[in-house]
């Protein structure tokens, strides 16, 4: 099991908790959104309409 090989002095992270779980794409999207890591659609770095 991967969790046993983790250094015991390092705090556990979400990655440690989910390392052995099979998540659906919907679950992954939900976790990313809850963590605030997602970029709203239309707000990507390459879409700067004011520069044109």
PDB file of N, CA and C in Angstrom:
ATOM      1  N   UNK A   1       0.837  -1.184   0.000  1.00  0.00           N
ATOM      2  CA  UNK A   1       0.000   0.000   0.000  1.00  0.00           C
ATOM      3  C   UNK A   1       0.878   1.243   0.000  1.00  0.00           C
ATOM      4  N   UNK A   2       0.521   2.227  -0.785  1.00  0.00           N
ATOM      5  CA  UNK A   2       1.353   3.421  -0.942  1.00  0.00           C
ATOM      6  C   UNK A   2       1.384   4.268   0.325  1.00  0.00           C
ATOM      7  N   UNK A   3       0.322   4.262   1.093  1.00  0.00           N
ATOM      8  CA  UNK A   3       0.253   5.111   2.287  1.00  0.00           C
ATOM      9  C   UNK A   3       1.280   4.698   3.340  1.00  0.00           C
ATOM     10  N   UNK A   4       1.696   3.451   3.342  1.00  0.00           N
ATOM     11  CA  UNK A   4       2.663   2.998   4.333  1.00  0.00           C
ATOM     12  C   UNK A   4       4.067   3.473   4.024  1.00  0.00           C
ATOM     13  N   UNK A   5       4.361   3.771   2.772  1.00  0.00           N
ATOM     14  CA  UNK A   5       5.710   4.181   2.401  1.00  0.00           C
ATOM     15  C   UNK A   5       5.923   5.691   2.541  1.00  0.00           C
ATOM     16  N   UNK A   6       4.901   6.413   2.962  1.00  0.00           N
ATOM     17  CA  UNK A   6       5.007   7.860   3.121  1.00  0.00           C
ATOM     18  C   UNK A   6       5.801   8.176   4.382  1.00  0.00           C
ATOM     19  N   UNK A   7       6.678   9.167   4.290  1.00  0.00           N
ATOM     20  CA  UNK A   7       7.477   9.601   5.427  1.00  0.00           C
ATOM     21  C   UNK A   7       6.543  10.032   6.558  1.00  0.00           C
ATOM     22  N   UNK A   8       6.716   9.454   7.734  1.00  0.00           N
ATOM     23  CA  UNK A   8       5.811   9.713   8.851  1.00  0.00           C
ATOM     24  C   UNK A   8       5.981  11.122   9.432  1.00  0.00           C
ATOM     25  N   UNK A   9       7.065  11.814   9.105  1.00  0.00           N
ATOM     26  CA  UNK A   9       7.260  13.172   9.627  1.00  0.00           C
ATOM     27  C   UNK A   9       6.552  14.215   8.764  1.00  0.00           C
ATOM     28  N   UNK A  10       6.175  13.836   7.548  1.00  0.00           N
ATOM     29  CA  UNK A  10       5.512  14.752   6.633  1.00  0.00           C
ATOM     30  C   UNK A  10       4.002  14.711   6.875  1.00  0.00           C
ATOM     31  N   UNK A  11       3.345  15.857   6.952  1.00  0.00           N
ATOM     32  CA  UNK A  11       1.888  15.857   7.124  1.00  0.00           C
ATOM     33  C   UNK A  11       1.195  15.213   5.919  1.00  0.00           C
ATOM     34  N   UNK A  12       0.089  14.548   6.157  1.00  0.00           N
ATOM     35  CA  UNK A  12      -0.657  13.929   5.063  1.00  0.00           C
ATOM     36  C   UNK A  12      -1.370  14.991   4.253  1.00  0.00           C
ATOM     37  N   UNK A  13      -1.464  14.762   2.965  1.00  0.00           N
ATOM     38  CA  UNK A  13      -2.120  15.701   2.061  1.00  0.00           C
ATOM     39  C   UNK A  13      -3.338  15.028   1.442  1.00  0.00           C
ATOM     40  N   UNK A  14      -4.127  15.797   0.693  1.00  0.00           N
ATOM     41  CA  UNK A  14      -5.253  15.207  -0.023  1.00  0.00           C
ATOM     42  C   UNK A  14      -4.782  14.169  -1.026  1.00  0.00           C
ATOM     43  N   UNK A  15      -3.638  14.402  -1.632  1.00  0.00           N
ATOM     44  CA  UNK A  15      -3.096  13.429  -2.578  1.00  0.00           C
ATOM     45  C   UNK A  15      -2.842  12.095  -1.880  1.00  0.00           C
ATOM     46  N   UNK A  16      -2.367  12.139  -0.636  1.00  0.00           N
ATOM     47  CA  UNK A  16      -2.135  10.913   0.120  1.00  0.00           C
ATOM     48  C   UNK A  16      -3.451  10.177   0.389  1.00  0.00           C
ATOM     49  N   UNK A  17      -4.506  10.932   0.664  1.00  0.00           N
ATOM     50  CA  UNK A  17      -5.797  10.319   0.972  1.00  0.00           C
ATOM     51  C   UNK A  17      -6.436   9.659  -0.237  1.00  0.00           C
ATOM     52  N   UNK A  18      -6.216  10.230  -1.422  1.00  0.00           N
ATOM     53  CA  UNK A  18      -6.885   9.753  -2.625  1.00  0.00           C
ATOM     54  C   UNK A  18      -5.988   8.935  -3.549  1.00  0.00           C
ATOM     55  N   UNK A  19      -4.781   8.611  -3.122  1.00  0.00           N
ATOM     56  CA  UNK A  19      -3.819   7.956  -4.009  1.00  0.00           C
ATOM     57  C   UNK A  19      -4.309   6.587  -4.510  1.00  0.00           C
ATOM     58  N   UNK A  20      -5.007   5.840  -3.706  1.00  0.00           N
ATOM     59  CA  UNK A  20      -5.439   4.496  -4.098  1.00  0.00           C
ATOM     60  C   UNK A  20      -6.911   4.422  -4.479  1.00  0.00           C
ATOM     61  N   UNK A  21      -7.555   5.549  -4.673  1.00  0.00           N
ATOM     62  CA  UNK A  21      -8.981   5.556  -5.002  1.00  0.00           C
ATOM     63  C   UNK A  21      -9.191   5.780  -6.492  1.00  0.00           C
ATOM     64  N   UNK A  22     -10.146   5.059  -7.033  1.00  0.00           N
ATOM     65  CA  UNK A  22     -10.534   5.259  -8.426  1.00  0.00           C
ATOM     66  C   UNK A  22     -11.649   6.290  -8.450  1.00  0.00           C
ATOM     67  N   UNK A  23     -11.338   7.487  -8.902  1.00  0.00           N
ATOM     68  CA  UNK A  23     -12.313   8.572  -8.945  1.00  0.00           C
ATOM     69  C   UNK A  23     -12.850   8.728 -10.363  1.00  0.00           C
ATOM     70  N   UNK A  24     -14.132   9.046 -10.455  1.00  0.00           N
ATOM     71  CA  UNK A  24     -14.708   9.350 -11.760  1.00  0.00           C
ATOM     72  C   UNK A  24     -14.286  10.759 -12.158  1.00  0.00           C
ATOM     73  N   UNK A  25     -14.457  11.088 -13.432  1.00  0.00           N
ATOM     74  CA  UNK A  25     -14.120  12.428 -13.905  1.00  0.00           C
ATOM     75  C   UNK A  25     -14.951  13.481 -13.187  1.00  0.00           C
ATOM     76  N   UNK A  26     -16.211  13.170 -12.885  1.00  0.00           N
ATOM     77  CA  UNK A  26     -17.073  14.117 -12.171  1.00  0.00           C
ATOM     78  C   UNK A  26     -16.549  14.364 -10.756  1.00  0.00           C
ATOM     79  N   UNK A  27     -16.061  13.326 -10.095  1.00  0.00           N
ATOM     80  CA  UNK A  27     -15.512  13.484  -8.751  1.00  0.00           C
ATOM     81  C   UNK A  27     -14.241  14.320  -8.768  1.00  0.00           C
ATOM     82  N   UNK A  28     -13.413  14.110  -9.767  1.00  0.00           N
ATOM     83  CA  UNK A  28     -12.179  14.889  -9.893  1.00  0.00           C
ATOM     84  C   UNK A  28     -12.515  16.353 -10.129  1.00  0.00           C
ATOM     85  N   UNK A  29     -13.457  16.626 -11.035  1.00  0.00           N
ATOM     86  CA  UNK A  29     -13.864  18.009 -11.301  1.00  0.00           C
ATOM     87  C   UNK A  29     -14.426  18.666 -10.049  1.00  0.00           C
ATOM     88  N   UNK A  30     -15.200  17.916  -9.268  1.00  0.00           N
ATOM     89  CA  UNK A  30     -15.793  18.462  -8.037  1.00  0.00           C
ATOM     90  C   UNK A  30     -14.704  18.803  -7.017  1.00  0.00           C
ATOM     91  N   UNK A  31     -13.721  17.917  -6.851  1.00  0.00           N
ATOM     92  CA  UNK A  31     -12.622  18.187  -5.922  1.00  0.00           C
ATOM     93  C   UNK A  31     -11.824  19.413  -6.354  1.00  0.00           C
ATOM     94  N   UNK A  32     -11.542  19.512  -7.638  1.00  0.00           N
ATOM     95  CA  UNK A  32     -10.782  20.652  -8.152  1.00  0.00           C
ATOM     96  C   UNK A  32     -11.556  21.945  -7.933  1.00  0.00           C
ATOM     97  N   UNK A  33     -12.866  21.916  -8.178  1.00  0.00           N
ATOM     98  CA  UNK A  33     -13.685  23.112  -7.976  1.00  0.00           C
ATOM     99  C   UNK A  33     -13.755  23.482  -6.497  1.00  0.00           C
ATOM    100  N   UNK A  34     -13.905  22.506  -5.628  1.00  0.00           N
ATOM    101  CA  UNK A  34     -13.977  22.782  -4.191  1.00  0.00           C
ATOM    102  C   UNK A  34     -12.680  23.380  -3.665  1.00  0.00           C
ATOM    103  N   UNK A  35     -11.568  22.979  -4.243  1.00  0.00           N
ATOM    104  CA  UNK A  35     -10.273  23.503  -3.817  1.00  0.00           C
ATOM    105  C   UNK A  35      -9.959  24.860  -4.447  1.00  0.00           C
ATOM    106  N   UNK A  36     -10.792  25.287  -5.372  1.00  0.00           N
ATOM    107  CA  UNK A  36     -10.573  26.573  -6.020  1.00  0.00           C
ATOM    108  C   UNK A  36      -9.450  26.540  -7.031  1.00  0.00           C
ATOM    109  N   UNK A  37      -9.186  25.382  -7.598  1.00  0.00           N
ATOM    110  CA  UNK A  37      -8.088  25.242  -8.544  1.00  0.00           C
ATOM    111  C   UNK A  37      -8.547  25.344  -9.994  1.00  0.00           C
ATOM    112  N   UNK A  38      -9.841  25.437 -10.210  1.00  0.00           N
ATOM    113  CA  UNK A  38     -10.348  25.475 -11.571  1.00  0.00           C
ATOM    114  C   UNK A  38     -10.433  26.910 -12.068  1.00  0.00           C
ATOM    115  N   UNK A  39     -10.341  27.079 -13.360  1.00  0.00           N
ATOM    116  CA  UNK A  39     -10.474  28.384 -14.000  1.00  0.00           C
ATOM    117  C   UNK A  39     -11.833  28.402 -14.675  1.00  0.00           C
ATOM    118  N   UNK A  40     -12.663  29.404 -14.386  1.00  0.00           N
ATOM    119  CA  UNK A  40     -13.978  29.465 -15.038  1.00  0.00           C
ATOM    120  C   UNK A  40     -13.842  29.492 -16.557  1.00  0.00           C
ATOM    121  N   UNK A  41     -14.777  28.870 -17.240  1.00  0.00           N
ATOM    122  CA  UNK A  41     -14.736  28.847 -18.705  1.00  0.00           C
ATOM    123  C   UNK A  41     -14.808  30.266 -19.244  1.00  0.00           C
ATOM    124  N   UNK A  42     -14.008  30.550 -20.261  1.00  0.00           N
ATOM    125  CA  UNK A  42     -13.979  31.886 -20.846  1.00  0.00           C
ATOM    126  C   UNK A  42     -12.968  32.805 -20.168  1.00  0.00           C
ATOM    127  N   UNK A  43     -12.374  32.357 -19.094  1.00  0.00           N
ATOM    128  CA  UNK A  43     -11.404  33.195 -18.370  1.00  0.00           C
ATOM    129  C   UNK A  43     -10.003  32.596 -18.473  1.00  0.00           C
ATOM    130  N   UNK A  44      -9.687  32.026 -19.611  1.00  0.00           N
ATOM    131  CA  UNK A  44      -8.360  31.440 -19.789  1.00  0.00           C
ATOM    132  C   UNK A  44      -7.348  32.523 -20.087  1.00  0.00           C
ATOM    133  N   UNK A  45      -6.085  32.218 -19.910  1.00  0.00           N
ATOM    134  CA  UNK A  45      -5.012  33.201 -20.073  1.00  0.00           C
ATOM    135  C   UNK A  45      -4.897  33.701 -21.506  1.00  0.00           C
ATOM    136  N   UNK A  46      -5.256  32.878 -22.483  1.00  0.00           N
ATOM    137  CA  UNK A  46      -5.094  33.269 -23.882  1.00  0.00           C
ATOM    138  C   UNK A  46      -6.244  34.061 -24.454  1.00  0.00           C
ATOM    139  N   UNK A  47      -7.306  34.279 -23.710  1.00  0.00           N
ATOM    140  CA  UNK A  47      -8.459  34.973 -24.270  1.00  0.00           C
ATOM    141  C   UNK A  47      -8.555  36.402 -23.759  1.00  0.00           C
ATOM    142  N   UNK A  48      -7.692  37.259 -24.271  1.00  0.00           N
ATOM    143  CA  UNK A  48      -7.690  38.659 -23.883  1.00  0.00           C
ATOM    144  C   UNK A  48      -8.299  39.467 -25.029  1.00  0.00           C
ATOM    145  N   UNK A  49      -9.598  39.725 -24.955  1.00  0.00           N
ATOM    146  CA  UNK A  49     -10.299  40.420 -26.022  1.00  0.00           C
ATOM    147  C   UNK A  49      -9.955  41.911 -26.097  1.00  0.00           C
ATOM    148  N   UNK A  50      -9.503  42.509 -25.011  1.00  0.00           N
ATOM    149  CA  UNK A  50      -9.205  43.938 -24.982  1.00  0.00           C
ATOM    150  C   UNK A  50      -7.935  44.291 -25.748  1.00  0.00           C
ATOM    151  N   UNK A  51      -7.037  43.323 -25.934  1.00  0.00           N
ATOM    152  CA  UNK A  51      -5.765  43.595 -26.610  1.00  0.00           C
ATOM    153  C   UNK A  51      -5.941  43.815 -28.095  1.00  0.00           C
ATOM    154  N   UNK A  52      -7.022  43.331 -28.675  1.00  0.00           N
ATOM    155  CA  UNK A  52      -7.206  43.422 -30.140  1.00  0.00           C
ATOM    156  C   UNK A  52      -7.702  44.757 -30.597  1.00  0.00           C
TER     157      UNK A  52
END
